[in-house]
């Protein structure tokens, strides 16, 4: 099962830091982490991309996983 990190622009902690989420292949929705990747959206997204690439997950695959996570189960 492939997984990817992503940043949802509306998900921040009490300090205003972005909370990364995890999307999983074949599953709708996402999983919150208890991490904080700073207050700068671009920087948080760079961290997510770097972690995904380190796992062999391309930007295109990340986008597909995010879109698939938004579908309702049939």
Protein backbone atom coordinates (compact mmCIF):
# COMPACT_ATOMS: atom_id res chain seq x y z
CA UNK A 1 0.00 0.00 0.00
CA UNK A 2 1.43 3.36 -1.02
CA UNK A 3 1.25 6.29 1.39
CA UNK A 4 2.11 9.96 1.00
CA UNK A 5 2.44 13.03 3.15
CA UNK A 6 0.46 16.14 2.27
CA UNK A 7 -0.35 19.53 3.69
CA UNK A 8 -3.97 20.64 3.96
CA UNK A 9 -3.88 24.46 4.05
CA UNK A 10 -6.66 24.62 6.65
CA UNK A 11 -5.11 22.21 9.14
CA UNK A 12 -2.96 24.04 11.68
CA UNK A 13 -2.22 23.54 15.34
CA UNK A 14 -2.86 26.13 18.08
CA UNK A 15 0.48 27.79 17.28
CA UNK A 16 -0.52 28.27 13.63
CA UNK A 17 1.85 25.57 12.35
CA UNK A 18 0.84 23.27 9.51
CA UNK A 19 -0.01 19.72 10.50
CA UNK A 20 0.97 17.15 7.87
CA UNK A 21 -1.54 14.49 6.91
CA UNK A 22 -1.05 11.01 5.53
CA UNK A 23 -3.09 9.64 2.64
CA UNK A 24 -3.14 5.93 1.88
CA UNK A 25 -3.77 4.13 -1.36
CA UNK A 26 -7.23 2.57 -1.49
CA UNK A 27 -8.54 4.48 1.54
CA UNK A 28 -10.78 7.51 1.70
CA UNK A 29 -9.99 10.32 4.09
CA UNK A 30 -6.67 11.05 5.70
CA UNK A 31 -4.76 10.53 8.92
CA UNK A 32 -3.61 13.45 11.05
CA UNK A 33 -0.11 13.40 12.44
CA UNK A 34 1.01 15.00 15.69
CA UNK A 35 3.84 16.79 13.91
CA UNK A 36 4.14 20.47 13.04
CA UNK A 37 6.03 21.61 9.95
CA UNK A 38 6.18 25.36 10.52
CA UNK A 39 4.00 28.35 9.72
CA UNK A 40 5.10 28.79 6.11
CA UNK A 41 2.88 26.83 3.71
CA UNK A 42 5.52 26.62 0.98
CA UNK A 43 8.09 25.28 3.44
CA UNK A 44 5.67 22.71 4.86
CA UNK A 45 4.86 21.53 1.33
CA UNK A 46 8.59 21.27 0.53
CA UNK A 47 9.07 19.04 3.56
CA UNK A 48 6.17 16.82 2.45
CA UNK A 49 7.58 16.56 -1.09
CA UNK A 50 11.04 15.69 0.22
CA UNK A 51 9.70 12.99 2.53
CA UNK A 52 7.54 11.56 -0.26
CA UNK A 53 10.45 11.49 -2.70
CA UNK A 54 12.60 9.74 -0.10
CA UNK A 55 9.94 7.01 -0.05
CA UNK A 56 9.88 6.85 -3.86
CA UNK A 57 6.55 8.68 -4.16
CA UNK A 58 6.45 11.21 -7.02
CA UNK A 59 4.51 14.48 -6.97
CA UNK A 60 2.11 13.04 -9.57
CA UNK A 61 1.45 9.94 -7.47
CA UNK A 62 0.95 12.10 -4.38
CA UNK A 63 -1.72 14.10 -6.21
CA UNK A 64 -3.45 10.90 -7.36
CA UNK A 65 -3.46 9.56 -3.80
CA UNK A 66 -4.88 12.84 -2.49
CA UNK A 67 -7.64 12.88 -5.11
CA UNK A 68 -8.47 9.23 -4.52
CA UNK A 69 -8.70 9.89 -0.77
CA UNK A 70 -11.55 12.35 -1.46
CA UNK A 71 -13.77 9.77 -3.16
CA UNK A 72 -16.60 8.16 -1.29
CA UNK A 73 -16.55 4.42 -0.81
CA UNK A 74 -19.11 2.55 -2.88
